[in-house]
Amino acid sequence: MKRIFGWVLLCISLSTSAQNWQMSGFKKADSFNPILKPSLEARFLDPVTGKIVGWENKNVLNPTALVLNGLVHLLYRAQDSVGTSRIGLAISEDGIHFKKNPEPILFPTNDAFRTFEWPGGIEDPRIVETSDNGYFLTYTSYDGKVARLCGAFSKDLKSWEKIGPLFTSEKYLNTWSKSGALVSVQNGSKMVAKKIDGLYYMYFGDTDLFLATSKDLRHWDILENAETGVRLSVLKPRAGYFDSRLVEPGPYALLRKEGILLIYNSSNAANFNEARFPKFTYAAGQVLFDARLPYKVLSRTVAPFIWPDKPYEKIGEVNEVCFVEGLVPFKGKWFLYYGTADSKIAVSIK
């Protein structure tokens, strides 16, 4: 009996120790949330249709974030009344109260990438800084049938150089892909894309998680299983857990001494799921990958650290959704920005 009890204590001790790598202690800013809502007043001359549109009159959601000149800059997805998405910009002195830019900063236009971006638009940005003091943004283009993970560069967050789909081979150009989270390192308030053994790594996908590598952020190769030739899955849904239906990257993947910490979004399956949550609930967990072997999982949370429990998270365009994409260190705290019910934007602070 003593031997069994000792083994239980050891297992508990190891489990607790394994979870010390997590970012814990986030508290939703209930008195302010949701911090961003759609606007009926925002107007924009759409270059594709040549018409004035209310570019964020339906939903605002799924923001990425960075700190620049002591201010939080939120780049968020906005939808018009017909469902076309564009990327807006809002700026804040305190991380909670934001002033929106009157027009989107990145959107479909009559360029070489229109075929990939129209009519669905540009969705779900994730931003990191580059070693040359610029910015690299991953986003999802949607032509109404296929989602493609794309990229863009900027020096000022206003002018953007689109580079289009990141996976351009005949094998993958028309394969569904989205949600690119780059391995990055914290440098003060900056999150800078970081090479590992000469390569940038990026987690992506919205079923399983996959990995891609690049030498220059422009040309990307997907890691494949050498025997089957299919994309290497580095994280899968788990039957019986909150992430039983799908897994999808959150913000950048943060390189720390413990390993590569990735906050990830997930969905609860219709059955064989986590019974505490309704089916299809979107909640966020955390996973730790090996810093030298970014495809190797070292530890993974067994429960979500954020999930829908507020009215604005439970009811909206899509019910029961907390979808995390923005994370910044700001004024001695961590600010976590997320989409709520695919309709509004909220913040949780640690």
Protein backbone atom coordinates (compact mmCIF):
# COMPACT_ATOMS: atom_id res chain seq x y z
CA MET A 1 0.00 0.00 0.00
CA LYS A 2 2.83 2.39 0.90
CA ARG A 3 4.54 1.56 -2.38
CA ILE A 4 1.38 2.36 -4.39
CA PHE A 5 0.81 5.59 -2.47
CA GLY A 6 4.41 6.63 -3.09
CA TRP A 7 4.00 5.94 -6.81
CA VAL A 8 0.87 8.12 -6.93
CA LEU A 9 2.72 10.97 -5.20
CA LEU A 10 5.58 10.62 -7.66
CA CYS A 11 3.19 10.75 -10.62
CA ILE A 12 1.52 13.87 -9.20
CA SER A 13 4.91 15.47 -8.62
CA LEU A 14 6.08 14.72 -12.16
CA SER A 15 2.81 15.99 -13.62
CA THR A 16 3.04 19.24 -11.67
CA SER A 17 6.68 19.72 -12.62
CA ALA A 18 5.87 19.11 -16.27
CA GLN A 19 3.33 21.92 -16.26
CA ASN A 20 5.65 24.63 -14.89
CA TRP A 21 6.43 25.76 -18.43
CA GLN A 22 2.89 27.05 -18.97
CA MET A 23 1.82 30.69 -19.17
CA SER A 24 -0.81 30.71 -16.45
CA GLY A 25 -2.76 33.26 -14.42
CA PHE A 26 -4.62 35.08 -17.20
CA LYS A 27 -7.72 37.00 -16.07
CA LYS A 28 -10.38 38.24 -18.47
CA ALA A 29 -10.84 42.03 -18.30
CA ASP A 30 -14.53 41.63 -17.53
CA SER A 31 -15.22 45.33 -16.84
CA PHE A 32 -14.01 46.27 -20.34
CA ASN A 33 -14.67 43.25 -22.54
CA PRO A 34 -15.43 43.10 -25.36
CA ILE A 35 -12.86 45.80 -26.14
CA LEU A 36 -13.57 45.96 -29.89
CA LYS A 37 -16.90 45.72 -31.70
CA PRO A 38 -18.04 46.08 -35.32
CA SER A 39 -18.69 49.59 -36.61
CA LEU A 40 -21.50 50.67 -38.92
CA GLU A 41 -19.77 53.98 -39.61
CA ALA A 42 -16.47 52.72 -41.03
CA ARG A 43 -16.45 53.14 -44.81
CA PHE A 44 -13.90 52.21 -47.45
CA LEU A 45 -13.64 52.42 -51.25
CA ASP A 46 -13.18 48.80 -52.22
CA PRO A 47 -10.74 48.62 -55.16
CA VAL A 48 -12.15 45.33 -56.46
CA THR A 49 -15.80 46.39 -56.78
CA GLY A 50 -15.22 50.14 -57.02
CA LYS A 51 -17.93 50.65 -54.37
CA ILE A 52 -17.98 52.19 -50.91
CA VAL A 53 -18.41 49.35 -48.39
CA GLY A 54 -18.91 49.12 -44.64
CA TRP A 55 -15.78 47.04 -44.26
CA GLU A 56 -16.29 46.08 -40.60
CA ASN A 57 -20.03 46.34 -40.17
CA LYS A 58 -20.61 42.60 -39.59
CA ASN A 59 -17.86 41.24 -37.32
CA VAL A 60 -14.43 42.02 -35.88
CA LEU A 61 -12.41 39.07 -34.64
CA ASN A 62 -9.17 37.12 -34.37
CA PRO A 63 -6.53 39.84 -33.76
CA THR A 64 -2.76 39.72 -33.70
CA ALA A 65 -0.81 42.28 -31.69
CA LEU A 66 2.55 43.98 -31.23
CA VAL A 67 3.99 46.80 -29.16
CA LEU A 68 5.44 49.74 -31.08
CA ASN A 69 6.60 53.04 -29.56
CA GLY A 70 5.04 52.10 -26.24
CA LEU A 71 1.61 51.50 -27.78
CA VAL A 72 -0.30 48.28 -28.43
CA HIS A 73 -1.10 47.84 -32.11
CA LEU A 74 -3.92 45.42 -32.83
CA LEU A 75 -4.26 44.03 -36.34
CA TYR A 76 -7.64 42.40 -36.59
CA ARG A 77 -9.91 40.64 -39.05
CA ALA A 78 -13.01 42.60 -40.06
CA GLN A 79 -15.95 41.36 -42.11
CA ASP A 80 -18.37 43.37 -44.22
CA SER A 81 -22.03 42.51 -44.72
CA VAL A 82 -21.34 39.97 -47.47
CA GLY A 83 -18.59 38.24 -45.49
CA THR A 84 -15.45 39.57 -47.21
CA SER A 85 -12.61 39.94 -44.70
CA ARG A 86 -9.96 42.64 -44.49
CA ILE A 87 -7.32 43.54 -41.89
CA GLY A 88 -7.88 46.61 -39.72
CA LEU A 89 -5.56 48.42 -37.29
CA ALA A 90 -6.37 49.78 -33.84
CA ILE A 91 -3.92 51.45 -31.40
CA SER A 92 -4.03 51.76 -27.62
CA GLU A 93 -2.08 53.49 -24.85
CA ASP A 94 -3.28 51.12 -22.13
CA GLY A 95 -3.92 47.87 -24.04
CA ILE A 96 -7.66 48.11 -23.42
CA HIS A 97 -9.08 51.26 -25.02
CA PHE A 98 -8.37 51.35 -28.75
CA LYS A 99 -8.67 53.91 -31.52
CA LYS A 100 -9.35 52.33 -34.89
CA ASN A 101 -7.79 53.31 -38.17
CA PRO A 102 -10.72 54.46 -40.37
CA GLU A 103 -9.75 52.18 -43.27
CA PRO A 104 -8.27 48.68 -43.49
CA ILE A 105 -4.51 48.34 -43.86
CA LEU A 106 -4.46 45.09 -45.84
CA PHE A 107 -7.17 43.94 -48.21
CA PRO A 108 -7.91 42.28 -51.57
CA THR A 109 -7.15 44.52 -54.51
CA ASN A 110 -6.57 44.20 -58.24
CA ASP A 111 -3.13 42.67 -57.95
CA ALA A 112 -1.53 39.33 -58.76
CA PHE A 113 -3.09 37.75 -55.67
CA ARG A 114 -6.71 38.71 -56.24
CA THR A 115 -7.52 35.22 -57.52
CA PHE A 116 -6.57 33.79 -54.11
CA GLU A 117 -8.20 36.54 -52.00
CA TRP A 118 -11.55 37.18 -53.61
CA PRO A 119 -14.37 37.04 -52.66
CA GLY A 120 -13.59 35.63 -49.19
CA GLY A 121 -10.84 38.11 -48.44
CA ILE A 122 -7.93 38.18 -46.01
CA GLU A 123 -8.28 36.55 -42.59
CA ASP A 124 -6.66 35.84 -39.24
CA PRO A 125 -3.31 37.71 -39.18
CA ARG A 126 -0.31 36.74 -37.07
CA ILE A 127 2.63 39.15 -36.91
CA VAL A 128 6.26 38.98 -35.82
CA GLU A 129 9.17 41.36 -36.20
CA THR A 130 12.16 40.55 -38.39
CA SER A 131 15.87 40.88 -37.72
CA ASP A 132 16.04 43.93 -40.02
CA ASN A 133 13.44 45.87 -37.97
CA GLY A 134 10.57 45.05 -40.28
CA TYR A 135 7.42 43.00 -39.89
CA PHE A 136 6.32 39.69 -41.33
CA LEU A 137 2.61 38.92 -41.35
CA THR A 138 1.03 35.56 -42.08
CA TYR A 139 -2.60 35.59 -43.09
CA THR A 140 -5.17 33.34 -44.72
CA SER A 141 -6.53 34.15 -48.16
CA TYR A 142 -9.89 32.67 -49.12
CA ASP A 143 -11.22 32.51 -52.65
CA GLY A 144 -14.54 31.03 -51.57
CA LYS A 145 -13.35 27.45 -51.95
CA VAL A 146 -9.77 27.04 -50.73
CA ALA A 147 -7.95 28.72 -47.83
CA ARG A 148 -4.27 29.38 -48.46
CA LEU A 149 -1.63 30.51 -45.97
CA CYS A 150 -0.03 33.71 -47.30
CA GLY A 151 2.56 36.26 -46.23
CA ALA A 152 3.33 39.98 -46.39
CA PHE A 153 6.18 42.29 -45.32
CA SER A 154 6.06 45.85 -44.03
CA LYS A 155 8.31 48.48 -42.49
CA ASP A 156 5.57 50.71 -41.09
CA LEU A 157 2.37 48.60 -40.79
CA LYS A 158 0.77 50.77 -43.46
CA SER A 159 2.47 49.81 -46.73
CA TRP A 160 2.60 46.08 -47.38
CA GLU A 161 4.45 43.85 -49.82
CA LYS A 162 2.33 40.78 -50.38
CA ILE A 163 4.20 37.64 -51.36
CA GLY A 164 1.08 35.52 -51.79
CA PRO A 165 0.73 31.83 -50.89
CA LEU A 166 3.65 30.50 -48.86
CA PHE A 167 3.37 26.99 -50.33
CA THR A 168 3.73 27.38 -54.07
CA SER A 169 4.63 23.89 -55.29
CA GLU A 170 2.17 22.13 -57.56
CA LYS A 171 1.61 19.63 -54.75
CA TYR A 172 0.48 22.17 -52.14
CA LEU A 173 -0.64 25.37 -53.88
CA ASN A 174 -4.28 24.26 -53.94
CA THR A 175 -4.18 22.36 -50.65
CA TRP A 176 -6.13 23.92 -47.78
CA SER A 177 -3.71 25.67 -45.39
CA LYS A 178 -3.98 28.44 -42.80
CA SER A 179 -2.88 29.86 -39.44
CA GLY A 180 0.90 30.30 -39.54
CA ALA A 181 2.66 30.81 -36.18
CA LEU A 182 6.41 31.46 -36.40
CA VAL A 183 8.96 30.43 -33.81
CA SER A 184 10.07 33.73 -32.26
CA VAL A 185 12.12 35.04 -29.37
CA GLN A 186 11.24 37.83 -26.97
CA ASN A 187 13.47 40.91 -27.17
CA GLY A 188 12.03 43.37 -24.65
CA SER A 189 8.53 44.12 -25.93
CA LYS A 190 9.36 42.77 -29.38
CA MET A 191 8.69 39.28 -30.70
CA VAL A 192 11.31 38.56 -33.36
CA ALA A 193 11.33 35.62 -35.77
CA LYS A 194 14.21 33.34 -34.70
CA LYS A 195 16.16 30.79 -36.69
CA ILE A 196 16.97 27.35 -35.29
CA ASP A 197 20.07 25.84 -36.90
CA GLY A 198 19.77 28.23 -39.83
CA LEU A 199 16.04 27.81 -40.46
CA TYR A 200 12.85 29.61 -39.51
CA TYR A 201 10.13 27.27 -38.30
CA MET A 202 6.39 27.83 -38.60
CA TYR A 203 3.52 25.80 -37.17
CA PHE A 204 0.35 25.83 -39.26
CA GLY A 205 -2.91 23.98 -39.91
CA ASP A 206 -6.47 23.82 -38.62
CA THR A 207 -7.02 20.09 -38.23
CA ASP A 208 -3.67 18.69 -37.15
CA LEU A 209 -0.65 20.96 -36.74
CA PHE A 210 2.09 20.80 -39.36
CA LEU A 211 5.56 22.36 -39.69
CA ALA A 212 7.25 24.36 -42.44
CA THR A 213 10.77 25.79 -42.68
CA SER A 214 12.38 28.70 -44.52
CA LYS A 215 15.77 30.33 -44.86
CA ASP A 216 14.43 33.79 -45.72
CA LEU A 217 10.71 33.94 -44.68
CA ARG A 218 9.77 34.08 -48.37
CA HIS A 219 10.29 30.52 -49.56
CA TRP A 220 8.79 27.76 -47.44
CA ASP A 221 9.04 23.97 -47.41
CA ILE A 222 6.59 21.71 -45.61
CA LEU A 223 8.06 18.92 -43.49
CA GLU A 224 6.91 15.56 -44.84
CA ASN A 225 6.88 11.98 -43.67
CA ALA A 226 9.68 10.38 -45.70
CA GLU A 227 7.77 7.10 -46.11
CA THR A 228 4.35 8.41 -47.09
CA GLY A 229 5.20 11.79 -48.63
CA VAL A 230 2.39 13.46 -46.68
CA ARG A 231 2.68 16.42 -44.33
CA LEU A 232 4.23 15.55 -40.99
CA SER A 233 1.64 15.96 -38.23
CA VAL A 234 3.28 17.30 -35.05
CA LEU A 235 0.11 17.73 -32.97
CA LYS A 236 -3.22 15.95 -33.27
CA PRO A 237 -6.67 16.22 -31.68
CA ARG A 238 -7.23 13.95 -28.66
CA ALA A 239 -10.40 11.93 -28.08
CA GLY A 240 -11.90 12.69 -24.69
CA TYR A 241 -10.29 16.10 -24.33
CA PHE A 242 -11.24 19.73 -25.05
CA ASP A 243 -9.17 19.51 -28.26
CA SER A 244 -10.91 16.38 -29.58
CA ARG A 245 -12.06 17.86 -32.92
CA LEU A 246 -9.16 19.98 -34.20
CA VAL A 247 -6.07 21.94 -33.21
CA GLU A 248 -4.88 25.25 -34.70
CA PRO A 249 -2.00 27.62 -33.82
CA GLY A 250 -2.60 30.71 -31.71
CA PRO A 251 -0.03 33.55 -31.71
CA TYR A 252 3.67 33.10 -32.55
CA ALA A 253 5.47 30.13 -30.98
CA LEU A 254 7.67 31.49 -28.18
CA LEU A 255 11.20 30.13 -27.85
CA ARG A 256 12.08 29.94 -24.13
CA LYS A 257 14.61 28.08 -22.00
CA GLU A 258 12.11 25.26 -21.41
CA GLY A 259 11.45 24.81 -25.12
CA ILE A 260 9.07 26.21 -27.74
CA LEU A 261 5.79 27.26 -26.12
CA LEU A 262 2.81 27.31 -28.46
CA ILE A 263 -0.62 28.49 -27.37
CA TYR A 264 -3.07 26.68 -29.62
CA ASN A 265 -6.77 26.91 -30.38
CA SER A 266 -8.95 23.83 -30.43
CA SER A 267 -12.48 22.59 -30.95
CA ASN A 268 -14.47 20.03 -28.98
CA ALA A 269 -15.80 17.14 -31.05
CA ALA A 270 -19.45 16.10 -31.34
CA ASN A 271 -18.70 12.89 -29.45
CA PHE A 272 -15.78 11.28 -27.61
CA ASN A 273 -15.13 14.77 -26.33
CA GLU A 274 -14.71 16.82 -23.15
CA ALA A 275 -18.17 16.57 -21.61
CA ARG A 276 -17.84 19.85 -19.66
CA PHE A 277 -18.08 21.87 -22.86
CA PRO A 278 -20.73 21.95 -25.60
CA LYS A 279 -19.79 20.29 -28.86
CA PHE A 280 -17.68 22.49 -31.16
CA THR A 281 -16.57 24.76 -28.29
CA TYR A 282 -13.39 26.65 -29.20
CA ALA A 283 -10.96 26.86 -26.28
CA ALA A 284 -7.20 27.31 -26.03
CA GLY A 285 -4.51 25.03 -24.66
CA GLN A 286 -0.72 25.06 -24.56
CA VAL A 287 1.96 22.70 -25.82
CA LEU A 288 5.73 22.63 -25.34
CA PHE A 289 7.97 21.48 -28.19
CA ASP A 290 11.67 20.67 -28.02
CA ALA A 291 13.79 23.76 -28.84
CA ARG A 292 16.22 21.74 -30.94
CA LEU A 293 13.65 19.37 -32.43
CA PRO A 294 10.60 21.59 -33.07
CA TYR A 295 8.50 18.61 -34.14
CA LYS A 296 8.92 16.81 -30.80
CA VAL A 297 6.26 17.36 -28.11
CA LEU A 298 7.65 17.56 -24.57
CA SER A 299 4.46 18.36 -22.71
CA ARG A 300 0.85 19.36 -23.33
CA THR A 301 -1.93 20.72 -21.16
CA VAL A 302 -4.81 18.41 -20.29
CA ALA A 303 -7.31 21.25 -19.86
CA PRO A 304 -7.84 24.62 -21.59
CA PHE A 305 -6.67 27.81 -19.90
CA ILE A 306 -9.31 29.97 -21.61
CA TRP A 307 -12.78 28.97 -22.81
CA PRO A 308 -16.17 30.61 -23.47
CA ASP A 309 -18.02 31.48 -20.26
CA LYS A 310 -19.27 35.02 -21.00
CA PRO A 311 -22.37 35.93 -23.03
CA TYR A 312 -20.31 37.64 -25.76
CA GLU A 313 -18.16 34.49 -26.07
CA LYS A 314 -21.08 32.06 -26.10
CA ILE A 315 -23.45 33.79 -28.53
CA GLY A 316 -22.48 35.39 -31.85
CA GLU A 317 -21.71 34.64 -35.49
CA VAL A 318 -20.36 31.29 -34.26
CA ASN A 319 -21.38 30.28 -30.75
CA GLU A 320 -19.03 29.09 -27.99
CA VAL A 321 -15.77 30.58 -29.27
CA CYS A 322 -12.62 31.96 -27.65
CA PHE A 323 -10.02 32.13 -30.44
CA VAL A 324 -6.59 33.39 -29.38
CA GLU A 325 -4.20 35.08 -31.83
CA GLY A 326 -2.56 38.08 -30.10
CA LEU A 327 -0.07 38.05 -27.21
CA VAL A 328 2.19 40.93 -26.11
CA PRO A 329 4.29 41.87 -23.07
CA PHE A 330 3.11 45.35 -22.11
CA LYS A 331 3.78 47.46 -19.02
CA GLY A 332 5.01 44.50 -17.01
CA LYS A 333 2.08 42.25 -17.91
CA TRP A 334 1.03 39.91 -20.67
CA PHE A 335 -1.99 40.91 -22.75
CA LEU A 336 -3.76 38.09 -24.56
CA TYR A 337 -6.18 39.17 -27.31
CA TYR A 338 -8.81 36.87 -28.72
CA GLY A 339 -11.90 36.71 -30.90
CA THR A 340 -15.22 36.03 -29.16
CA ALA A 341 -17.99 34.07 -30.89
CA ASP A 342 -16.44 35.20 -34.22
CA SER A 343 -18.06 38.58 -33.58
CA LYS A 344 -16.03 40.77 -31.21
CA ILE A 345 -12.60 41.05 -29.58
CA ALA A 346 -11.65 40.69 -25.92
CA VAL A 347 -8.52 40.71 -23.75
CA SER A 348 -7.24 38.59 -20.88
CA ILE A 349 -4.33 39.88 -18.76
CA LYS A 350 -1.65 38.15 -16.68
